[in-house]
């Protein structure tokens, strides 16, 4: 999917390079993307670097009135980067935090629920 990067701010995602799940980032009005990875923690890259040759989709647009707050939270995250943590500070938690949403990871919640369900089924069987 083509994503128009002109003067917009949005949470975007592409498939993870490992093939399981999505990798989230924050598209900035400059066309750059802020994201959090295991290898480099919080950093900013070009849109093409973020996409890594994969289609990119928009998770949600950030309204222009919320851009200033998102820029402030991103500046704070870049000034004092937290280490990547798959459960406590992954790409989804980073993108949600920067854009003023609940710092949560729907993918981690889903995988945790599946693991618990598998344990229950195994205990019953």
Protein backbone atom coordinates (compact mmCIF):
# COMPACT_ATOMS: atom_id res chain seq x y z
CA UNK A 1 0.00 0.00 0.00
CA UNK A 2 1.24 3.48 -0.87
CA UNK A 3 1.33 5.86 2.10
CA UNK A 4 1.31 9.58 1.32
CA UNK A 5 3.89 11.06 3.71
CA UNK A 6 3.25 14.75 3.00
CA UNK A 7 2.66 16.72 6.21
CA UNK A 8 0.85 13.99 8.04
CA UNK A 9 1.44 12.25 11.30
CA UNK A 10 0.20 8.71 11.77
CA UNK A 11 0.89 5.42 13.45
CA UNK A 12 1.96 3.06 10.66
CA UNK A 13 2.84 -0.61 10.48
CA UNK A 14 4.45 -3.19 8.26
CA UNK A 15 4.96 -6.91 8.67
CA UNK A 16 7.88 -7.78 10.94
CA UNK A 17 10.95 -8.98 9.11
CA UNK A 18 10.72 -12.26 11.06
CA UNK A 19 7.28 -12.85 9.55
CA UNK A 20 5.30 -12.91 12.81
CA UNK A 21 3.24 -9.86 13.66
CA UNK A 22 3.54 -6.19 12.76
CA UNK A 23 6.20 -3.58 13.38
CA UNK A 24 4.80 -0.15 14.34
CA UNK A 25 6.27 3.31 13.96
CA UNK A 26 5.20 6.94 13.94
CA UNK A 27 5.19 8.69 10.58
CA UNK A 28 6.31 12.28 11.10
CA UNK A 29 5.24 15.27 8.96
CA UNK A 30 8.79 15.35 7.53
CA UNK A 31 8.25 11.88 6.03
CA UNK A 32 10.68 10.31 8.51
CA UNK A 33 9.57 7.51 10.84
CA UNK A 34 10.27 7.19 14.57
CA UNK A 35 10.28 3.65 15.90
CA UNK A 36 11.74 1.38 18.55
CA UNK A 37 13.71 -1.74 17.67
CA UNK A 38 15.62 -4.36 19.57
CA UNK A 39 18.81 -3.46 17.70
CA UNK A 40 18.75 0.35 18.05
CA UNK A 41 16.06 1.22 20.63
CA UNK A 42 14.26 4.51 19.87
CA UNK A 43 15.45 6.21 16.67
CA UNK A 44 14.30 7.97 13.51
CA UNK A 45 14.77 6.60 9.98
CA UNK A 46 13.58 7.34 6.47
CA UNK A 47 10.23 5.96 5.38
CA UNK A 48 11.98 3.51 3.02
CA UNK A 49 14.23 2.24 5.82
CA UNK A 50 11.19 1.65 8.01
CA UNK A 51 9.27 -0.08 5.21
CA UNK A 52 12.20 -2.42 4.48
CA UNK A 53 10.64 -3.30 1.13
CA UNK A 54 7.31 -4.32 2.69
CA UNK A 55 3.89 -2.70 2.27
CA UNK A 56 3.06 -0.14 4.96
CA UNK A 57 -0.43 0.53 6.30
CA UNK A 58 -1.85 3.31 8.42
CA UNK A 59 -3.08 2.18 11.83
CA UNK A 60 -4.46 5.62 12.73
CA UNK A 61 -4.01 9.25 11.76
CA UNK A 62 -2.88 11.73 14.41
CA UNK A 63 -5.02 14.89 14.24
CA UNK A 64 -3.02 18.09 13.60
CA UNK A 65 -4.04 19.51 16.99
CA UNK A 66 -2.22 16.58 18.64
CA UNK A 67 1.02 16.92 16.63
CA UNK A 68 2.70 19.26 19.14
CA UNK A 69 2.15 16.86 22.05
CA UNK A 70 3.41 13.94 19.97
CA UNK A 71 6.54 15.88 18.99
CA UNK A 72 7.16 16.75 22.63
CA UNK A 73 6.78 13.09 23.74
CA UNK A 74 9.03 11.94 20.87
CA UNK A 75 11.71 14.48 21.82
CA UNK A 76 11.60 13.19 25.40
CA UNK A 77 11.85 9.57 24.17
CA UNK A 78 14.85 10.40 21.98
CA UNK A 79 16.58 12.39 24.76
CA UNK A 80 16.29 9.51 27.23
CA UNK A 81 15.81 6.35 25.19
CA UNK A 82 14.47 3.31 26.99
CA UNK A 83 15.82 -0.08 25.98
CA UNK A 84 13.56 -2.17 23.80
CA UNK A 85 11.65 -4.79 25.77
CA UNK A 86 9.21 -7.11 24.01
CA UNK A 87 6.79 -7.04 26.97
CA UNK A 88 7.34 -3.60 28.55
CA UNK A 89 8.50 -1.25 25.76
CA UNK A 90 8.09 -2.65 22.27
CA UNK A 91 7.27 -0.85 19.02
CA UNK A 92 3.51 -0.72 19.70
CA UNK A 93 3.96 0.62 23.23
CA UNK A 94 6.39 3.22 21.88
CA UNK A 95 4.04 4.36 19.08
CA UNK A 96 1.05 4.51 21.42
CA UNK A 97 3.00 6.45 24.05
CA UNK A 98 4.36 8.99 21.56
CA UNK A 99 0.92 9.62 20.07
CA UNK A 100 -0.80 9.99 23.43
CA UNK A 101 -2.61 6.66 23.53
CA UNK A 102 -2.62 4.02 26.24
CA UNK A 103 0.89 2.47 26.33
CA UNK A 104 -0.17 -1.04 25.43
CA UNK A 105 0.67 -3.74 22.93
CA UNK A 106 -2.32 -5.51 21.38
CA UNK A 107 -0.03 -8.11 19.81
CA UNK A 108 1.57 -9.03 23.16
CA UNK A 109 -1.89 -9.21 24.75
CA UNK A 110 -3.03 -11.53 21.96
CA UNK A 111 0.01 -13.83 22.22
CA UNK A 112 -0.34 -13.92 26.04
CA UNK A 113 -4.02 -14.84 25.77
CA UNK A 114 -3.23 -17.62 23.28
CA UNK A 115 -0.50 -18.98 25.57
CA UNK A 116 -2.85 -18.99 28.58
CA UNK A 117 -5.57 -20.66 26.54
CA UNK A 118 -3.13 -23.35 25.41
CA UNK A 119 -2.14 -23.98 29.03
CA UNK A 120 -5.79 -24.32 30.09
CA UNK A 121 -6.55 -26.70 27.22
CA UNK A 122 -3.46 -28.74 28.07
CA UNK A 123 -4.43 -28.89 31.78
CA UNK A 124 -7.95 -30.06 30.92
CA UNK A 125 -6.80 -32.72 28.45
